Structure formats: C-alpha cells, structure tokens
Amino acid sequence: MDEQALWTAEDFAQRRDELPEGGRWHELDAGRPLLLTPPDDRHGDVVHNLSLALATFLQNSQPPTGYGCFELGLRVARNPDTILVPAVSYFSGAELFAESDKVFTDAAPELVTEIASANDRRQGMQRRVSAYHNMGVAEVWIVDPLEQSVNVMACGRTRQIFQIGQTLPGGRILPEFQIAVDHLFQPPSWWPS
C-alpha cells in the first residue's frame, strides 16, 4: 500500500504493528494514522483505579450486566475511516466480552471514558464527544487529571462536573455503581511512592 493512501479501519487493524510504538497510542484520523502522546502515570492511575472499581462492581452484579473494554478502537466515521481509542468502553445487553479481543468495533458502547492527560488528548475533546454521541454512545466521562475532575456528557442532557470530595455515580448506565472522585487520582497502593 502506498504510504500516501488513506487507510481503512481494516488496514489499521492489520498494519498497526508496523507503526511506531508497535501501534500503541495510535488512532486513525480520516484515514491517516495518528500517534498520541503516550499516557503518563496520572493517566495510568485513573485507568487502574476505574478499571478495578468497574471490574469489582460488575463481578458482584448478578446476573452480569455488561463488561468493560480497554483501548478498544471505535469506528466513529467512514470513508475516510476515523477510529478513536478511548481508555474504557462499557458494553451491556450483548454477549459478554463480544468486543474484547478486537482492534476496533462498529458496535456502540453505552459508556466511554476519555482521560484528558496530555495536550493532544485534551484538544478536540468536544469533537470526540460529538463523534461518540453520533455513533450512539449514550454517555461520555471525561476524566481530567490536571483539574482532578470528571465531566459527564450524556446525550441530550446538560454536562455535569464531579470534583474532589464528590462521588461519581454510574447513573442510568451503571445503576448502583459509584466511585469517589478522589480515588480515581490516587496512585495504586502497590506502587512505590
């Protein structure tokens, strides 16, 4: 394939290991591979804490209500293809783990979590949220390690902001789920200080 040719989502899935960093931290922007800033420790803390809380909640839900996928590409546009890779995508109501081993999917998760941990991850966030909503994602959580806050952007509803000292609820998507905003930003207890 010509290096100037636009990639499809399928090209991205097949060829991403040829990209710098073995394709990690890459997205597809209108057919062109795009390398984002690799996540820093604050980004990793949020992913660790949120994924542990979500996994614990889901394991205790009987019957299981859904599952989380991490760094799963979501095709939000076609011709040319755009794939965004949020930190966490939550799926429910389908076969458990149906999307887990994929590089990207066309299926819309109910909830997406983005972590605004670097400038290129912060820029264009409204465009990303709009793309997710247009895809059919009901709610987007934007976790901001700099502001230590979580913006909840639900389709057709006013943005909500949760800060240190508050609890982030699971809302309509994850009833009964909650996590202290403070906890999202704490280094894991096993990590040396």
Protein backbone atom coordinates (compact mmCIF):
# COMPACT_ATOMS: atom_id res chain seq x y z
CA MET A 1 0.00 0.00 0.00
CA ASP A 2 1.21 3.49 -0.91
CA GLU A 3 2.20 5.46 2.22
CA GLN A 4 0.12 8.42 0.96
CA ALA A 5 -3.00 6.29 0.51
CA LEU A 6 -5.66 6.62 3.16
CA TRP A 7 -6.02 3.67 5.48
CA THR A 8 -9.31 1.96 6.15
CA ALA A 9 -10.19 0.67 9.60
CA GLU A 10 -9.31 -2.80 8.34
CA ASP A 11 -5.87 -1.55 7.20
CA PHE A 12 -5.37 -0.04 10.63
CA ALA A 13 -6.23 -3.35 12.32
CA GLN A 14 -3.88 -5.32 10.04
CA ARG A 15 -0.97 -2.89 9.88
CA ARG A 16 -0.87 -1.02 13.17
CA ASP A 17 2.03 -3.13 14.46
CA GLU A 18 4.13 -1.55 11.65
CA LEU A 19 3.60 1.88 13.22
CA PRO A 20 5.93 3.46 15.80
CA GLU A 21 5.45 2.07 19.32
CA GLY A 22 4.04 -1.07 17.71
CA GLY A 23 0.82 0.79 17.03
CA ARG A 24 0.10 1.56 20.67
CA TRP A 25 -1.29 5.03 21.34
CA HIS A 26 -2.38 5.35 17.70
CA GLU A 27 -5.75 6.31 16.30
CA LEU A 28 -6.96 6.69 12.72
CA ASP A 29 -7.89 10.25 11.81
CA ALA A 30 -9.76 10.48 8.48
CA GLY A 31 -7.70 7.60 7.09
CA ARG A 32 -4.34 8.71 8.48
CA PRO A 33 -2.62 7.01 11.45
CA LEU A 34 -2.10 9.47 14.29
CA LEU A 35 0.27 8.92 17.23
CA LEU A 36 -0.97 10.38 20.52
CA THR A 37 1.26 11.22 23.45
CA PRO A 38 1.87 8.01 25.42
CA PRO A 39 -0.04 8.03 28.72
CA ASP A 40 1.73 9.32 31.81
CA ASP A 41 1.50 7.96 35.37
CA ARG A 42 -1.59 10.07 36.18
CA HIS A 43 -3.36 8.59 33.16
CA GLY A 44 -2.35 5.09 34.28
CA ASP A 45 -3.58 5.73 37.84
CA VAL A 46 -7.03 6.68 36.54
CA VAL A 47 -7.25 3.64 34.25
CA HIS A 48 -6.12 1.32 37.05
CA ASN A 49 -8.50 2.72 39.65
CA LEU A 50 -11.51 2.95 37.35
CA SER A 51 -10.97 -0.50 35.86
CA LEU A 52 -10.59 -2.09 39.30
CA ALA A 53 -13.75 -0.39 40.59
CA LEU A 54 -15.70 -1.29 37.46
CA ALA A 55 -14.49 -4.91 37.48
CA THR A 56 -15.41 -5.30 41.16
CA PHE A 57 -18.85 -3.80 40.56
CA LEU A 58 -19.53 -5.97 37.51
CA GLN A 59 -18.31 -9.18 39.19
CA ASN A 60 -20.76 -8.55 42.02
CA SER A 61 -23.66 -7.88 39.63
CA GLN A 62 -25.89 -10.93 39.28
CA PRO A 63 -26.66 -11.63 36.58
CA PRO A 64 -23.69 -9.92 34.89
CA THR A 65 -24.86 -6.68 33.31
CA GLY A 66 -22.01 -5.94 30.93
CA TYR A 67 -18.26 -5.62 30.56
CA GLY A 68 -15.52 -3.08 30.03
CA CYS A 69 -13.01 -2.97 27.18
CA PHE A 70 -9.76 -1.09 27.41
CA GLU A 71 -8.17 0.72 24.48
CA LEU A 72 -10.69 -0.70 22.02
CA GLY A 73 -10.92 1.35 18.84
CA LEU A 74 -14.34 2.69 17.95
CA ARG A 75 -15.01 3.46 14.28
CA VAL A 76 -16.84 6.76 14.52
CA ALA A 77 -16.69 7.72 10.81
CA ARG A 78 -16.37 6.01 7.43
CA ASN A 79 -14.96 6.96 4.04
CA PRO A 80 -12.46 8.05 5.21
CA ASP A 81 -12.43 5.98 8.37
CA THR A 82 -11.80 7.50 11.78
CA ILE A 83 -11.07 5.31 14.79
CA LEU A 84 -10.94 6.84 18.25
CA VAL A 85 -9.46 4.82 21.11
CA PRO A 86 -10.91 5.80 24.49
CA ALA A 87 -9.41 4.47 27.70
CA VAL A 88 -12.51 2.48 28.66
CA SER A 89 -15.65 1.42 26.79
CA TYR A 90 -18.56 -0.22 28.61
CA PHE A 91 -20.93 -2.57 26.76
CA SER A 92 -24.12 -4.10 28.09
CA GLY A 93 -27.02 -6.13 26.82
CA ALA A 94 -24.95 -8.15 24.37
CA GLU A 95 -22.96 -11.33 24.53
CA LEU A 96 -20.43 -10.84 27.31
CA PHE A 97 -16.96 -9.93 26.06
CA ALA A 98 -18.07 -9.98 22.39
CA GLU A 99 -15.91 -6.93 21.60
CA SER A 100 -12.97 -7.71 23.91
CA ASP A 101 -10.42 -9.19 21.51
CA LYS A 102 -10.97 -6.76 18.65
CA VAL A 103 -8.72 -3.93 17.48
CA PHE A 104 -11.79 -1.86 16.62
CA THR A 105 -15.55 -2.21 16.53
CA ASP A 106 -18.55 -0.61 14.88
CA ALA A 107 -20.72 -1.50 17.89
CA ALA A 108 -21.54 1.46 20.09
CA PRO A 109 -20.78 1.01 23.79
CA GLU A 110 -23.19 2.60 26.27
CA LEU A 111 -20.42 4.48 28.07
CA VAL A 112 -16.98 5.73 27.03
CA THR A 113 -14.30 7.13 29.34
CA GLU A 114 -11.68 9.52 27.96
CA ILE A 115 -8.69 10.70 30.00
CA ALA A 116 -7.55 14.23 29.21
CA SER A 117 -3.98 13.65 30.39
CA ALA A 118 -1.96 15.37 27.63
CA ASN A 119 -2.50 18.33 25.31
CA ASP A 120 -3.26 16.20 22.26
CA ARG A 121 -5.71 14.17 24.33
CA ARG A 122 -7.36 17.39 25.59
CA GLN A 123 -7.58 19.17 22.25
CA GLY A 124 -10.65 18.44 20.22
CA MET A 125 -12.42 16.78 23.15
CA GLN A 126 -15.78 18.30 22.16
CA ARG A 127 -15.33 16.86 18.65
CA ARG A 128 -14.57 13.45 20.18
CA VAL A 129 -17.65 13.61 22.42
CA SER A 130 -19.82 14.56 19.44
CA ALA A 131 -18.39 11.67 17.40
CA TYR A 132 -19.17 9.22 20.21
CA HIS A 133 -22.71 10.54 20.62
CA ASN A 134 -23.27 10.39 16.86
CA MET A 135 -22.11 6.77 16.94
CA GLY A 136 -24.77 6.00 19.55
CA VAL A 137 -22.77 6.20 22.80
CA ALA A 138 -25.19 7.42 25.47
CA GLU A 139 -22.66 8.88 27.91
CA VAL A 140 -19.03 10.03 27.89
CA TRP A 141 -16.96 10.52 31.04
CA ILE A 142 -14.01 12.87 30.57
CA VAL A 143 -11.58 12.38 33.43
CA ASP A 144 -9.21 15.33 33.82
CA PRO A 145 -6.13 14.54 35.93
CA LEU A 146 -4.99 18.19 35.85
CA GLU A 147 -8.27 19.61 37.19
CA GLN A 148 -8.95 16.40 39.16
CA SER A 149 -12.50 16.33 37.92
CA VAL A 150 -14.85 14.23 35.81
CA ASN A 151 -17.13 15.78 33.18
CA VAL A 152 -20.16 13.65 32.39
CA MET A 153 -21.50 14.33 28.90
CA ALA A 154 -24.79 12.49 28.30
CA CYS A 155 -26.72 12.73 25.04
CA GLY A 156 -29.43 15.35 25.31
CA ARG A 157 -28.54 16.38 28.87
CA THR A 158 -26.59 19.20 30.47
CA ARG A 159 -22.95 18.48 31.30
CA GLN A 160 -22.29 17.53 34.92
CA ILE A 161 -18.96 18.07 36.65
CA PHE A 162 -17.81 15.97 39.60
CA GLN A 163 -14.80 17.14 41.63
CA ILE A 164 -12.61 16.09 44.54
CA GLY A 165 -14.81 15.43 47.57
CA GLN A 166 -17.71 14.23 45.42
CA THR A 167 -18.82 10.80 44.25
CA LEU A 168 -19.17 9.92 40.58
CA PRO A 169 -22.40 7.92 40.14
CA GLY A 170 -22.98 5.32 37.45
CA GLY A 171 -26.28 6.98 36.59
CA ARG A 172 -28.62 5.37 34.07
CA ILE A 173 -25.86 3.29 32.51
CA LEU A 174 -24.47 1.68 35.67
CA PRO A 175 -27.11 1.99 38.39
CA GLU A 176 -25.68 1.47 41.87
CA PHE A 177 -22.07 1.99 40.65
CA GLN A 178 -20.17 4.80 42.29
CA ILE A 179 -16.59 5.85 42.88
CA ALA A 180 -15.13 8.71 44.89
CA VAL A 181 -13.56 11.21 42.50
CA ASP A 182 -10.56 11.44 44.87
CA HIS A 183 -9.96 7.71 44.43
CA LEU A 184 -9.61 8.00 40.65
CA PHE A 185 -6.44 10.06 41.03
CA GLN A 186 -4.67 8.12 43.79
CA PRO A 187 -1.56 6.13 42.89
CA PRO A 188 -2.22 2.40 43.41
CA SER A 189 -1.24 1.22 46.90
CA TRP A 190 1.20 -1.31 45.44
CA TRP A 191 3.08 1.42 43.53
CA PRO A 192 6.24 2.64 45.32
CA SER A 193 6.00 6.29 46.35
